[in-house]
PDB file of N, CA and C in Angstrom:
ATOM      1  N   UNK A   1      71.890 -33.577 -17.442  1.00  0.00           N
ATOM      2  CA  UNK A   1      72.621 -34.572 -18.212  1.00  0.00           C
ATOM      3  C   UNK A   1      71.707 -35.102 -19.313  1.00  0.00           C
ATOM      4  N   UNK A   2      72.226 -35.202 -20.503  1.00  0.00           N
ATOM      5  CA  UNK A   2      71.414 -35.665 -21.625  1.00  0.00           C
ATOM      6  C   UNK A   2      71.402 -37.179 -21.715  1.00  0.00           C
ATOM      7  N   UNK A   3      70.360 -37.681 -22.350  1.00  0.00           N
ATOM      8  CA  UNK A   3      70.184 -39.129 -22.537  1.00  0.00           C
ATOM      9  C   UNK A   3      71.137 -39.625 -23.622  1.00  0.00           C
ATOM     10  N   UNK A   4      71.825 -40.746 -23.405  1.00  0.00           N
ATOM     11  CA  UNK A   4      72.688 -41.289 -24.461  1.00  0.00           C
ATOM     12  C   UNK A   4      71.884 -41.580 -25.725  1.00  0.00           C
ATOM     13  N   UNK A   5      72.469 -41.293 -26.874  1.00  0.00           N
ATOM     14  CA  UNK A   5      71.753 -41.474 -28.129  1.00  0.00           C
ATOM     15  C   UNK A   5      71.561 -42.935 -28.488  1.00  0.00           C
ATOM     16  N   UNK A   6      72.365 -43.835 -27.889  1.00  0.00           N
ATOM     17  CA  UNK A   6      72.219 -45.248 -28.216  1.00  0.00           C
ATOM     18  C   UNK A   6      71.108 -45.917 -27.419  1.00  0.00           C
ATOM     19  N   UNK A   7      70.488 -45.209 -26.501  1.00  0.00           N
ATOM     20  CA  UNK A   7      69.353 -45.737 -25.743  1.00  0.00           C
ATOM     21  C   UNK A   7      68.308 -44.631 -25.609  1.00  0.00           C
ATOM     22  N   UNK A   8      67.610 -44.341 -26.694  1.00  0.00           N
ATOM     23  CA  UNK A   8      66.672 -43.213 -26.685  1.00  0.00           C
ATOM     24  C   UNK A   8      65.469 -43.449 -25.780  1.00  0.00           C
ATOM     25  N   UNK A   9      64.950 -42.347 -25.272  1.00  0.00           N
ATOM     26  CA  UNK A   9      63.709 -42.413 -24.507  1.00  0.00           C
ATOM     27  C   UNK A   9      62.563 -42.717 -25.460  1.00  0.00           C
ATOM     28  N   UNK A  10      61.730 -43.650 -25.061  1.00  0.00           N
ATOM     29  CA  UNK A  10      60.532 -43.984 -25.827  1.00  0.00           C
ATOM     30  C   UNK A  10      59.330 -43.310 -25.177  1.00  0.00           C
ATOM     31  N   UNK A  11      59.279 -43.353 -23.869  1.00  0.00           N
ATOM     32  CA  UNK A  11      58.204 -42.719 -23.105  1.00  0.00           C
ATOM     33  C   UNK A  11      58.816 -41.583 -22.293  1.00  0.00           C
ATOM     34  N   UNK A  12      58.542 -40.353 -22.722  1.00  0.00           N
ATOM     35  CA  UNK A  12      59.115 -39.197 -22.043  1.00  0.00           C
ATOM     36  C   UNK A  12      58.530 -39.004 -20.649  1.00  0.00           C
ATOM     37  N   UNK A  13      57.241 -39.240 -20.485  1.00  0.00           N
ATOM     38  CA  UNK A  13      56.585 -39.024 -19.193  1.00  0.00           C
ATOM     39  C   UNK A  13      57.188 -39.896 -18.090  1.00  0.00           C
ATOM     40  N   UNK A  14      57.391 -41.173 -18.405  1.00  0.00           N
ATOM     41  CA  UNK A  14      57.909 -42.117 -17.412  1.00  0.00           C
ATOM     42  C   UNK A  14      59.416 -42.332 -17.557  1.00  0.00           C
ATOM     43  N   UNK A  15      60.043 -41.657 -18.556  1.00  0.00           N
ATOM     44  CA  UNK A  15      61.482 -41.770 -18.800  1.00  0.00           C
ATOM     45  C   UNK A  15      61.904 -43.217 -19.036  1.00  0.00           C
ATOM     46  N   UNK A  16      61.125 -43.912 -19.854  1.00  0.00           N
ATOM     47  CA  UNK A  16      61.396 -45.311 -20.203  1.00  0.00           C
ATOM     48  C   UNK A  16      62.163 -45.340 -21.520  1.00  0.00           C
ATOM     49  N   UNK A  17      63.272 -46.061 -21.523  1.00  0.00           N
ATOM     50  CA  UNK A  17      64.114 -46.130 -22.716  1.00  0.00           C
ATOM     51  C   UNK A  17      63.739 -47.310 -23.602  1.00  0.00           C
ATOM     52  N   UNK A  18      64.244 -47.251 -24.826  1.00  0.00           N
ATOM     53  CA  UNK A  18      64.038 -48.344 -25.772  1.00  0.00           C
ATOM     54  C   UNK A  18      64.595 -49.651 -25.214  1.00  0.00           C
ATOM     55  N   UNK A  19      65.765 -49.590 -24.601  1.00  0.00           N
ATOM     56  CA  UNK A  19      66.375 -50.799 -24.037  1.00  0.00           C
ATOM     57  C   UNK A  19      65.496 -51.405 -22.949  1.00  0.00           C
ATOM     58  N   UNK A  20      64.869 -50.569 -22.140  1.00  0.00           N
ATOM     59  CA  UNK A  20      63.982 -51.062 -21.087  1.00  0.00           C
ATOM     60  C   UNK A  20      62.791 -51.790 -21.684  1.00  0.00           C
ATOM     61  N   UNK A  21      62.231 -51.235 -22.751  1.00  0.00           N
ATOM     62  CA  UNK A  21      61.097 -51.872 -23.424  1.00  0.00           C
ATOM     63  C   UNK A  21      61.525 -53.216 -24.008  1.00  0.00           C
ATOM     64  N   UNK A  22      62.676 -53.248 -24.657  1.00  0.00           N
ATOM     65  CA  UNK A  22      63.145 -54.496 -25.266  1.00  0.00           C
ATOM     66  C   UNK A  22      63.472 -55.552 -24.212  1.00  0.00           C
ATOM     67  N   UNK A  23      63.996 -55.137 -23.069  1.00  0.00           N
ATOM     68  CA  UNK A  23      64.241 -56.086 -21.974  1.00  0.00           C
ATOM     69  C   UNK A  23      62.928 -56.645 -21.436  1.00  0.00           C
ATOM     70  N   UNK A  24      61.921 -55.792 -21.319  1.00  0.00           N
ATOM     71  CA  UNK A  24      60.611 -56.261 -20.866  1.00  0.00           C
ATOM     72  C   UNK A  24      60.046 -57.264 -21.861  1.00  0.00           C
ATOM     73  N   UNK A  25      60.223 -56.987 -23.138  1.00  0.00           N
ATOM     74  CA  UNK A  25      59.757 -57.909 -24.180  1.00  0.00           C
ATOM     75  C   UNK A  25      60.469 -59.254 -24.058  1.00  0.00           C
ATOM     76  N   UNK A  26      61.784 -59.219 -23.846  1.00  0.00           N
ATOM     77  CA  UNK A  26      62.551 -60.456 -23.669  1.00  0.00           C
ATOM     78  C   UNK A  26      62.095 -61.231 -22.439  1.00  0.00           C
ATOM     79  N   UNK A  27      61.567 -60.514 -21.454  1.00  0.00           N
ATOM     80  CA  UNK A  27      61.092 -61.143 -20.218  1.00  0.00           C
ATOM     81  C   UNK A  27      59.675 -61.677 -20.331  1.00  0.00           C
ATOM     82  N   UNK A  28      59.061 -61.520 -21.513  1.00  0.00           N
ATOM     83  CA  UNK A  28      57.743 -62.093 -21.720  1.00  0.00           C
ATOM     84  C   UNK A  28      56.608 -61.117 -21.912  1.00  0.00           C
ATOM     85  N   UNK A  29      56.868 -59.823 -21.792  1.00  0.00           N
ATOM     86  CA  UNK A  29      55.819 -58.832 -22.020  1.00  0.00           C
ATOM     87  C   UNK A  29      55.465 -58.841 -23.499  1.00  0.00           C
ATOM     88  N   UNK A  30      54.167 -58.930 -23.807  1.00  0.00           N
ATOM     89  CA  UNK A  30      53.737 -59.059 -25.198  1.00  0.00           C
ATOM     90  C   UNK A  30      52.792 -57.965 -25.674  1.00  0.00           C
ATOM     91  N   UNK A  31      52.365 -57.077 -24.760  1.00  0.00           N
ATOM     92  CA  UNK A  31      51.423 -56.040 -25.168  1.00  0.00           C
ATOM     93  C   UNK A  31      51.644 -54.771 -24.354  1.00  0.00           C
ATOM     94  N   UNK A  32      50.996 -53.692 -24.778  1.00  0.00           N
ATOM     95  CA  UNK A  32      51.181 -52.400 -24.123  1.00  0.00           C
ATOM     96  C   UNK A  32      50.700 -52.424 -22.668  1.00  0.00           C
ATOM     97  N   UNK A  33      49.568 -53.048 -22.346  1.00  0.00           N
ATOM     98  CA  UNK A  33      49.202 -53.117 -20.931  1.00  0.00           C
ATOM     99  C   UNK A  33      50.283 -53.800 -20.082  1.00  0.00           C
ATOM    100  N   UNK A  34      50.910 -54.819 -20.636  1.00  0.00           N
ATOM    101  CA  UNK A  34      52.007 -55.475 -19.927  1.00  0.00           C
ATOM    102  C   UNK A  34      53.192 -54.546 -19.745  1.00  0.00           C
ATOM    103  N   UNK A  35      53.482 -53.739 -20.770  1.00  0.00           N
ATOM    104  CA  UNK A  35      54.564 -52.758 -20.649  1.00  0.00           C
ATOM    105  C   UNK A  35      54.246 -51.711 -19.596  1.00  0.00           C
ATOM    106  N   UNK A  36      52.986 -51.284 -19.538  1.00  0.00           N
ATOM    107  CA  UNK A  36      52.588 -50.315 -18.506  1.00  0.00           C
ATOM    108  C   UNK A  36      52.901 -50.868 -17.125  1.00  0.00           C
ATOM    109  N   UNK A  37      52.515 -52.104 -16.913  1.00  0.00           N
ATOM    110  CA  UNK A  37      52.724 -52.727 -15.608  1.00  0.00           C
ATOM    111  C   UNK A  37      54.211 -52.928 -15.315  1.00  0.00           C
ATOM    112  N   UNK A  38      54.959 -53.384 -16.301  1.00  0.00           N
ATOM    113  CA  UNK A  38      56.368 -53.723 -16.091  1.00  0.00           C
ATOM    114  C   UNK A  38      57.293 -52.513 -16.035  1.00  0.00           C
ATOM    115  N   UNK A  39      56.961 -51.457 -16.805  1.00  0.00           N
ATOM    116  CA  UNK A  39      57.906 -50.349 -16.943  1.00  0.00           C
ATOM    117  C   UNK A  39      57.349 -48.987 -16.562  1.00  0.00           C
ATOM    118  N   UNK A  40      56.044 -48.856 -16.509  1.00  0.00           N
ATOM    119  CA  UNK A  40      55.434 -47.553 -16.276  1.00  0.00           C
ATOM    120  C   UNK A  40      55.230 -46.754 -17.550  1.00  0.00           C
ATOM    121  N   UNK A  41      55.683 -47.301 -18.680  1.00  0.00           N
ATOM    122  CA  UNK A  41      55.515 -46.610 -19.963  1.00  0.00           C
ATOM    123  C   UNK A  41      54.036 -46.488 -20.311  1.00  0.00           C
ATOM    124  N   UNK A  42      53.685 -45.420 -21.004  1.00  0.00           N
ATOM    125  CA  UNK A  42      52.323 -45.170 -21.482  1.00  0.00           C
ATOM    126  C   UNK A  42      51.332 -44.952 -20.346  1.00  0.00           C
ATOM    127  N   UNK A  43      51.806 -44.382 -19.256  1.00  0.00           N
ATOM    128  CA  UNK A  43      50.916 -44.072 -18.136  1.00  0.00           C
ATOM    129  C   UNK A  43      50.703 -42.571 -17.985  1.00  0.00           C
ATOM    130  N   UNK A  44      51.271 -41.795 -18.915  1.00  0.00           N
ATOM    131  CA  UNK A  44      51.130 -40.342 -18.869  1.00  0.00           C
ATOM    132  C   UNK A  44      50.294 -39.851 -20.028  1.00  0.00           C
ATOM    133  N   UNK A  45      50.927 -39.133 -20.933  1.00  0.00           N
ATOM    134  CA  UNK A  45      50.208 -38.467 -22.028  1.00  0.00           C
ATOM    135  C   UNK A  45      49.735 -39.418 -23.124  1.00  0.00           C
ATOM    136  N   UNK A  46      50.404 -40.555 -23.303  1.00  0.00           N
ATOM    137  CA  UNK A  46      49.993 -41.525 -24.314  1.00  0.00           C
ATOM    138  C   UNK A  46      50.648 -41.363 -25.673  1.00  0.00           C
ATOM    139  N   UNK A  47      51.490 -40.343 -25.840  1.00  0.00           N
ATOM    140  CA  UNK A  47      52.132 -40.121 -27.142  1.00  0.00           C
ATOM    141  C   UNK A  47      53.057 -41.256 -27.566  1.00  0.00           C
ATOM    142  N   UNK A  48      53.495 -42.087 -26.655  1.00  0.00           N
ATOM    143  CA  UNK A  48      54.443 -43.157 -26.974  1.00  0.00           C
ATOM    144  C   UNK A  48      53.768 -44.439 -27.460  1.00  0.00           C
ATOM    145  N   UNK A  49      52.469 -44.486 -27.489  1.00  0.00           N
ATOM    146  CA  UNK A  49      51.751 -45.723 -27.797  1.00  0.00           C
ATOM    147  C   UNK A  49      52.221 -46.377 -29.094  1.00  0.00           C
ATOM    148  N   UNK A  50      52.280 -45.628 -30.174  1.00  0.00           N
ATOM    149  CA  UNK A  50      52.681 -46.216 -31.457  1.00  0.00           C
ATOM    150  C   UNK A  50      54.122 -46.714 -31.420  1.00  0.00           C
ATOM    151  N   UNK A  51      55.006 -45.961 -30.765  1.00  0.00           N
ATOM    152  CA  UNK A  51      56.402 -46.403 -30.647  1.00  0.00           C
ATOM    153  C   UNK A  51      56.498 -47.701 -29.854  1.00  0.00           C
ATOM    154  N   UNK A  52      55.728 -47.808 -28.790  1.00  0.00           N
ATOM    155  CA  UNK A  52      55.739 -49.034 -27.987  1.00  0.00           C
ATOM    156  C   UNK A  52      55.226 -50.215 -28.800  1.00  0.00           C
ATOM    157  N   UNK A  53      54.147 -49.992 -29.540  1.00  0.00           N
ATOM    158  CA  UNK A  53      53.602 -51.067 -30.378  1.00  0.00           C
ATOM    159  C   UNK A  53      54.615 -51.506 -31.435  1.00  0.00           C
ATOM    160  N   UNK A  54      55.339 -50.551 -32.009  1.00  0.00           N
ATOM    161  CA  UNK A  54      56.363 -50.892 -33.003  1.00  0.00           C
ATOM    162  C   UNK A  54      57.486 -51.713 -32.381  1.00  0.00           C
ATOM    163  N   UNK A  55      57.927 -51.343 -31.194  1.00  0.00           N
ATOM    164  CA  UNK A  55      58.991 -52.097 -30.528  1.00  0.00           C
ATOM    165  C   UNK A  55      58.529 -53.503 -30.168  1.00  0.00           C
ATOM    166  N   UNK A  56      57.290 -53.638 -29.755  1.00  0.00           N
ATOM    167  CA  UNK A  56      56.768 -54.969 -29.432  1.00  0.00           C
ATOM    168  C   UNK A  56      56.662 -55.841 -30.674  1.00  0.00           C
ATOM    169  N   UNK A  57      56.479 -55.228 -31.836  1.00  0.00           N
ATOM    170  CA  UNK A  57      56.325 -55.981 -33.083  1.00  0.00           C
ATOM    171  C   UNK A  57      57.661 -56.436 -33.669  1.00  0.00           C
ATOM    172  N   UNK A  58      58.770 -55.937 -33.150  1.00  0.00           N
ATOM    173  CA  UNK A  58      60.090 -56.326 -33.680  1.00  0.00           C
ATOM    174  C   UNK A  58      60.344 -57.802 -33.500  1.00  0.00           C
TER     175      UNK A  58
END
């Protein structure tokens, strides 16, 4: 089954979506280490780092 286009994957390794990152941000997460702890994002290859930083900066 493919991922819905309205909620793209940001972290492929941990299968973390953009919506999950934004929800974590709304819950008080302010940095990538916090996202790692809250969502598991950026715990694999690391290719998502810049995307995560961009989402946190919104």
